[in-house]
Amino acid sequence: MKIGNIEFEGFAALAPMAGVADRAMREICRHFGAAYTIGELTSAKGVSLGDKKSASLLTFGENEKPAASQLFGSEPHVMAEAAIEALKFSPDFIDINMGCPAPKVAGNGGGSALMKNPLLAADIVRVVVKAVNVPVTVKMRTGWDEDNINAIELAKRCEDAGASAITVHGRTRKQMYAPGIDYKTIADVKSAVSVPVIANGDIGDGKSAKYMYDATGCDFVMVGRAAQGNPFVFSEINAYMKGEEYEYPSLEKRFRIMLEQIRLMHIYKDEHNAILESRKHTAWYMKGIEGAATLRRMCGEIKCMADIEIICQKALEWNSSL
């Protein structure tokens, strides 16, 4: 697949997940085969006002590229200003969020709220495309709710406004992350536009990725929550799509990768935040193993790297056959 003149290798990208898919996680996922990454959701207004936290979310390293900056907002001129500012961090493309269901985003007119105003959404795309010299993409949902499924209309308007690709999360805003994916609407969007369509939602392994490709005719897929504590999912998807066997790494190797991810977090963040955020990442790596519930409780009390190493040792003792 290509976005603009950027060509991607592999079959799946890492979804932008606010407070989760930070620089460390993005680098690890790229290492294990994610075709590209997208930075954490960033407020255009915060960027335009010079907010330091917003600016830090736009920072990329070479090891996570190709990568995009993702912006949210509801004011076209502010979105354009933020996109221009984002270029200082050398993203390969700019992604506009029209899918975030969080009240603090949608409640202020950004994210999925833009699906209720296709004209404004298209205007935002138009001014951002005009403001920057890199491709501009859009991430949306199927609609606001089941009575307002309008991804097809919105995708067509965004394409007409200059969007280089469209990502569709196969749920409405009302559904949030509840089970069930609307494959048909994704397929209809694919039929309605000529730019690449990336499908997102409930993709957690090679089999589900293949099903998404087959059911929708999409050009690419995007993995979100399944990559939490499991960057290896990209290697598995790539192998499955090629018809190759894939063996997940041993628990010992998985923990080595986890510790590397947390080490990177300490480099890219201040120590206090790195430790706090390592709690959830460490807990995700414990999923599916013997004693996971106990280990996750221990993760909630992590205060230093030594605590993480103790948890790993306990897990290895309880799962010596993995």
Protein backbone atom coordinates (compact mmCIF):
# COMPACT_ATOMS: atom_id res chain seq x y z
CA MET A 1 0.00 0.00 0.00
CA LYS A 2 1.03 3.58 -0.64
CA ILE A 3 -0.08 6.81 1.00
CA GLY A 4 0.96 9.58 -1.30
CA ASN A 5 4.44 8.54 -2.37
CA ILE A 6 5.11 6.58 0.85
CA GLU A 7 5.18 2.82 0.35
CA PHE A 8 4.70 0.48 3.29
CA GLU A 9 5.99 -3.04 3.87
CA GLY A 10 3.92 -5.56 5.76
CA PHE A 11 0.20 -5.98 6.31
CA ALA A 12 -0.73 -4.07 9.48
CA ALA A 13 -0.11 -0.70 11.11
CA LEU A 14 -0.15 0.30 14.78
CA ALA A 15 -3.22 2.34 15.70
CA PRO A 16 -2.86 5.61 17.58
CA MET A 17 -3.82 4.98 21.21
CA ALA A 18 -3.77 7.97 23.54
CA GLY A 19 -1.83 7.27 26.72
CA VAL A 20 -0.71 3.89 25.39
CA ALA A 21 1.08 3.94 22.02
CA ASP A 22 3.93 6.18 23.12
CA ARG A 23 7.29 6.48 21.42
CA ALA A 24 8.72 3.43 23.18
CA MET A 25 5.81 1.20 22.23
CA ARG A 26 5.82 2.48 18.66
CA GLU A 27 9.52 1.66 18.25
CA ILE A 28 9.06 -1.85 19.62
CA CYS A 29 6.06 -2.50 17.37
CA ARG A 30 7.95 -1.27 14.32
CA HIS A 31 10.79 -3.62 15.21
CA PHE A 32 8.36 -6.53 15.16
CA GLY A 33 6.80 -5.66 11.83
CA ALA A 34 4.28 -2.85 12.19
CA ALA A 35 4.22 -1.23 8.74
CA TYR A 36 3.86 2.26 10.18
CA THR A 37 2.88 3.97 13.41
CA ILE A 38 0.77 6.96 14.35
CA GLY A 39 1.57 9.18 17.28
CA GLU A 40 -0.71 9.69 20.26
CA LEU A 41 -3.79 11.85 19.82
CA THR A 42 -2.69 15.48 20.08
CA SER A 43 -4.81 18.58 20.62
CA ALA A 44 -4.45 21.06 17.76
CA LYS A 45 -5.44 23.86 20.10
CA GLY A 46 -2.78 22.81 22.59
CA VAL A 47 -0.14 22.79 19.86
CA SER A 48 -1.19 26.21 18.57
CA LEU A 49 -0.99 27.62 22.11
CA GLY A 50 2.52 26.28 22.60
CA ASP A 51 1.59 23.64 25.19
CA LYS A 52 4.72 21.65 26.03
CA LYS A 53 2.89 18.34 26.60
CA SER A 54 1.18 18.61 23.21
CA ALA A 55 4.51 19.30 21.55
CA SER A 56 6.10 16.29 23.26
CA LEU A 57 3.41 14.02 21.78
CA LEU A 58 4.56 15.04 18.30
CA THR A 59 8.15 13.89 18.82
CA PHE A 60 9.31 10.99 16.65
CA GLY A 61 12.46 8.92 16.40
CA GLU A 62 13.86 7.31 13.28
CA ASN A 63 13.26 3.82 14.70
CA GLU A 64 9.47 4.25 14.57
CA LYS A 65 9.20 5.58 11.04
CA PRO A 66 7.33 5.74 8.79
CA ALA A 67 5.09 7.54 11.22
CA ALA A 68 2.34 10.14 11.35
CA SER A 69 1.30 12.86 13.74
CA GLN A 70 -2.36 12.65 14.72
CA LEU A 71 -4.26 15.85 15.48
CA PHE A 72 -7.76 16.50 16.74
CA GLY A 73 -9.80 19.70 16.82
CA SER A 74 -12.83 21.40 15.36
CA GLU A 75 -11.47 24.71 14.05
CA PRO A 76 -9.99 24.55 10.53
CA HIS A 77 -7.47 27.36 10.96
CA VAL A 78 -6.26 25.96 14.30
CA MET A 79 -5.87 22.51 12.76
CA ALA A 80 -3.84 24.00 9.91
CA GLU A 81 -1.58 25.90 12.31
CA ALA A 82 -1.03 22.75 14.38
CA ALA A 83 -0.25 20.71 11.27
CA ILE A 84 2.38 23.26 10.23
CA GLU A 85 3.89 23.07 13.73
CA ALA A 86 3.83 19.27 13.61
CA LEU A 87 6.01 19.33 10.48
CA LYS A 88 8.90 20.52 12.65
CA PHE A 89 9.04 16.97 14.04
CA SER A 90 9.29 15.44 10.54
CA PRO A 91 6.24 13.15 10.41
CA ASP A 92 5.82 11.25 7.15
CA PHE A 93 2.16 12.26 7.06
CA ILE A 94 -0.53 13.99 9.14
CA ASP A 95 -3.56 12.07 10.40
CA ILE A 96 -6.77 13.88 11.34
CA ASN A 97 -8.81 12.19 14.06
CA MET A 98 -12.55 11.99 13.39
CA GLY A 99 -13.11 8.86 15.42
CA CYS A 100 -12.13 9.37 19.06
CA PRO A 101 -15.23 8.71 21.21
CA ALA A 102 -13.86 10.19 24.45
CA PRO A 103 -16.19 12.83 25.92
CA LYS A 104 -13.34 15.30 26.48
CA VAL A 105 -12.59 15.14 22.74
CA ALA A 106 -15.98 14.59 21.11
CA GLY A 107 -17.69 16.80 23.68
CA ASN A 108 -15.69 19.77 22.39
CA GLY A 109 -16.54 19.14 18.74
CA GLY A 110 -13.44 17.13 17.82
CA GLY A 111 -12.88 13.44 17.17
CA SER A 112 -16.03 11.49 16.36
CA ALA A 113 -18.20 14.61 16.79
CA LEU A 114 -16.96 15.71 13.36
CA MET A 115 -18.96 12.83 11.88
CA LYS A 116 -22.06 14.85 12.72
CA ASN A 117 -20.78 17.74 10.62
CA PRO A 118 -19.35 16.42 7.33
CA LEU A 119 -19.05 19.89 5.82
CA LEU A 120 -16.86 21.11 8.67
CA ALA A 121 -14.88 17.86 8.59
CA ALA A 122 -14.17 18.28 4.89
CA ASP A 123 -13.21 21.91 5.41
CA ILE A 124 -10.67 20.86 8.05
CA VAL A 125 -9.14 18.34 5.65
CA ARG A 126 -9.01 20.95 2.88
CA VAL A 127 -7.16 23.60 4.89
CA VAL A 128 -4.72 21.10 6.41
CA VAL A 129 -3.91 19.63 2.99
CA LYS A 130 -3.27 23.13 1.71
CA ALA A 131 -1.08 24.00 4.71
CA VAL A 132 1.36 21.06 4.61
CA ASN A 133 3.60 19.35 2.06
CA VAL A 134 3.04 15.78 3.32
CA PRO A 135 0.06 13.47 2.79
CA VAL A 136 -2.99 14.00 5.01
CA THR A 137 -5.10 11.04 6.13
CA VAL A 138 -8.31 10.72 8.14
CA LYS A 139 -9.37 8.22 10.81
CA MET A 140 -13.11 7.92 11.36
CA ARG A 141 -15.81 5.57 12.63
CA THR A 142 -18.83 4.19 10.79
CA GLY A 143 -21.03 6.94 12.20
CA TRP A 144 -22.23 8.63 15.36
CA ASP A 145 -24.78 5.93 16.18
CA GLU A 146 -26.72 3.17 14.43
CA ASP A 147 -29.24 5.70 13.09
CA ASN A 148 -26.50 7.88 11.62
CA ILE A 149 -24.11 5.67 9.65
CA ASN A 150 -22.44 8.19 7.35
CA ALA A 151 -18.86 6.99 6.88
CA ILE A 152 -19.43 6.68 3.12
CA GLU A 153 -20.50 10.31 2.76
CA LEU A 154 -17.74 11.55 5.04
CA ALA A 155 -15.07 9.49 3.31
CA LYS A 156 -16.09 10.83 -0.11
CA ARG A 157 -16.04 14.41 1.18
CA CYS A 158 -12.62 13.89 2.75
CA GLU A 159 -11.27 12.40 -0.46
CA ASP A 160 -12.63 15.34 -2.45
CA ALA A 161 -10.95 17.67 0.06
CA GLY A 162 -7.56 16.04 -0.60
CA ALA A 163 -7.22 13.20 1.91
CA SER A 164 -4.68 10.60 0.75
CA ALA A 165 -6.15 7.68 2.72
CA ILE A 166 -9.10 6.86 4.98
CA THR A 167 -9.03 4.65 8.08
CA VAL A 168 -12.39 3.31 9.24
CA HIS A 169 -12.92 1.86 12.71
CA GLY A 170 -15.86 -0.49 12.22
CA ARG A 171 -17.94 0.83 15.12
CA THR A 172 -20.10 3.88 15.79
CA ARG A 173 -19.21 6.41 18.42
CA LYS A 174 -22.07 5.12 20.56
CA GLN A 175 -20.61 1.61 20.47
CA MET A 176 -17.29 2.86 21.81
CA TYR A 177 -15.30 -0.43 21.91
CA ALA A 178 -18.19 -2.86 22.41
CA PRO A 179 -18.03 -6.20 20.57
CA GLY A 180 -19.14 -6.35 16.97
CA ILE A 181 -17.59 -4.90 13.81
CA ASP A 182 -19.51 -3.42 10.86
CA TYR A 183 -17.60 -5.00 8.00
CA LYS A 184 -20.19 -3.96 5.42
CA THR A 185 -19.77 -0.22 5.99
CA ILE A 186 -16.00 -0.54 5.71
CA ALA A 187 -16.51 -2.43 2.44
CA ASP A 188 -18.92 0.26 1.22
CA VAL A 189 -16.37 2.97 1.99
CA LYS A 190 -13.76 1.01 0.04
CA SER A 191 -16.13 0.87 -2.95
CA ALA A 192 -16.97 4.57 -2.70
CA VAL A 193 -13.47 6.10 -2.75
CA SER A 194 -10.34 5.66 -4.82
CA VAL A 195 -7.80 6.39 -2.08
CA PRO A 196 -6.53 3.55 0.15
CA VAL A 197 -8.87 2.40 2.90
CA ILE A 198 -7.41 1.05 6.15
CA ALA A 199 -9.71 -1.12 8.29
CA ASN A 200 -9.57 -1.06 12.08
CA GLY A 201 -11.36 -2.97 14.82
CA ASP A 202 -11.01 -6.33 16.60
CA ILE A 203 -7.90 -7.40 14.69
CA GLY A 204 -5.84 -9.48 17.08
CA ASP A 205 -4.04 -12.09 15.03
CA GLY A 206 -3.35 -13.27 11.51
CA LYS A 207 -6.72 -14.99 11.12
CA SER A 208 -8.75 -11.91 12.06
CA ALA A 209 -6.55 -9.70 9.88
CA LYS A 210 -7.12 -12.00 6.90
CA TYR A 211 -10.85 -12.00 7.57
CA MET A 212 -10.89 -8.19 7.60
CA TYR A 213 -9.06 -8.07 4.27
CA ASP A 214 -11.43 -10.60 2.72
CA ALA A 215 -14.66 -9.21 4.19
CA THR A 216 -14.03 -5.57 3.29
CA GLY A 217 -11.59 -5.51 0.37
CA CYS A 218 -9.57 -2.99 2.37
CA ASP A 219 -6.07 -1.98 1.34
CA PHE A 220 -4.56 -2.37 4.81
CA VAL A 221 -5.46 -3.11 8.41
CA MET A 222 -4.67 -1.39 11.69
CA VAL A 223 -4.12 -3.06 15.06
CA GLY A 224 -4.91 -1.32 18.33
CA ARG A 225 -5.57 -2.98 21.69
CA ALA A 226 -4.23 -6.37 20.56
CA ALA A 227 -0.74 -4.83 20.46
CA GLN A 228 -0.84 -3.93 24.15
CA GLY A 229 1.78 -6.15 25.73
CA ASN A 230 2.01 -8.00 22.43
CA PRO A 231 4.12 -6.23 19.79
CA PHE A 232 4.70 -9.69 18.29
CA VAL A 233 1.21 -9.59 16.82
CA PHE A 234 2.61 -7.78 13.79
CA SER A 235 5.13 -10.53 13.08
CA GLU A 236 2.35 -13.08 13.43
CA ILE A 237 0.02 -11.20 11.06
CA ASN A 238 2.76 -10.73 8.48
CA ALA A 239 3.61 -14.43 8.58
CA TYR A 240 -0.03 -15.52 8.37
CA MET A 241 -0.72 -13.28 5.39
CA LYS A 242 2.28 -14.79 3.60
CA GLY A 243 1.16 -18.33 4.43
CA GLU A 244 4.15 -18.87 6.71
CA GLU A 245 4.33 -20.54 10.11
CA TYR A 246 4.99 -18.29 13.08
CA GLU A 247 6.07 -19.29 16.58
CA TYR A 248 5.52 -16.74 19.31
CA PRO A 249 8.65 -15.99 21.34
CA SER A 250 9.21 -17.69 24.66
CA LEU A 251 8.05 -16.01 27.83
CA GLU A 252 11.66 -15.20 28.69
CA LYS A 253 12.14 -13.39 25.39
CA ARG A 254 8.80 -11.60 25.75
CA PHE A 255 9.94 -10.26 29.10
CA ARG A 256 13.28 -9.14 27.62
CA ILE A 257 11.34 -7.13 25.04
CA MET A 258 9.07 -5.72 27.73
CA LEU A 259 12.06 -4.57 29.78
CA GLU A 260 13.54 -2.97 26.66
CA GLN A 261 10.28 -1.12 26.08
CA ILE A 262 10.26 0.15 29.66
CA ARG A 263 13.92 1.12 29.38
CA LEU A 264 13.02 3.23 26.37
CA MET A 265 10.16 4.78 28.32
CA HIS A 266 12.68 5.92 30.93
CA ILE A 267 14.75 7.55 28.19
CA TYR A 268 11.82 9.37 26.57
CA LYS A 269 9.89 10.36 29.72
CA ASP A 270 10.69 11.56 33.20
CA GLU A 271 11.29 8.73 35.64
CA HIS A 272 8.09 9.29 37.64
CA ASN A 273 5.79 9.03 34.63
CA ALA A 274 7.80 6.18 33.14
CA ILE A 275 7.29 4.10 36.29
CA LEU A 276 3.58 4.95 36.56
CA GLU A 277 2.95 4.06 32.92
CA SER A 278 5.08 0.93 33.12
CA ARG A 279 2.47 -0.55 35.47
CA LYS A 280 -0.16 -0.98 32.76
CA HIS A 281 2.32 -2.07 30.10
CA THR A 282 3.83 -4.70 32.41
CA ALA A 283 0.35 -5.95 33.29
CA TRP A 284 -0.51 -6.34 29.60
CA TYR A 285 2.55 -8.55 29.07
CA MET A 286 1.21 -10.85 31.80
CA LYS A 287 -1.99 -11.62 29.92
CA GLY A 288 -2.76 -15.28 29.39
CA ILE A 289 -0.08 -16.78 31.63
CA GLU A 290 -0.33 -18.78 34.86
CA GLY A 291 -0.88 -16.50 37.85
CA ALA A 292 -1.81 -13.51 35.66
CA ALA A 293 -4.32 -12.07 38.14
CA THR A 294 -1.79 -12.06 40.98
CA LEU A 295 0.94 -10.72 38.72
CA ARG A 296 -1.30 -7.88 37.52
CA ARG A 297 -2.00 -6.88 41.10
CA MET A 298 1.75 -6.74 41.67
CA CYS A 299 2.10 -4.58 38.58
CA GLY A 300 -0.23 -2.02 40.12
CA GLU A 301 2.32 -1.50 42.91
CA ILE A 302 5.45 -1.06 40.78
CA LYS A 303 7.70 1.69 42.17
CA CYS A 304 11.00 0.97 40.42
CA MET A 305 12.66 -1.23 37.80
CA ALA A 306 13.62 -3.76 40.47
CA ASP A 307 9.93 -4.38 41.14
CA ILE A 308 9.39 -5.20 37.47
CA GLU A 309 12.31 -7.62 37.48
CA ILE A 310 10.86 -9.38 40.55
CA ILE A 311 7.50 -9.74 38.78
CA CYS A 312 9.22 -11.22 35.74
CA GLN A 313 11.09 -13.70 37.90
CA LYS A 314 7.88 -14.77 39.67
CA ALA A 315 6.12 -15.18 36.32
CA LEU A 316 8.95 -17.30 34.94
CA GLU A 317 8.93 -19.53 38.02
CA TRP A 318 5.17 -20.10 37.69
CA ASN A 319 5.37 -20.66 33.93
CA SER A 320 8.59 -22.62 33.54
CA SER A 321 7.22 -24.56 30.58
CA LEU A 322 6.45 -21.47 28.45
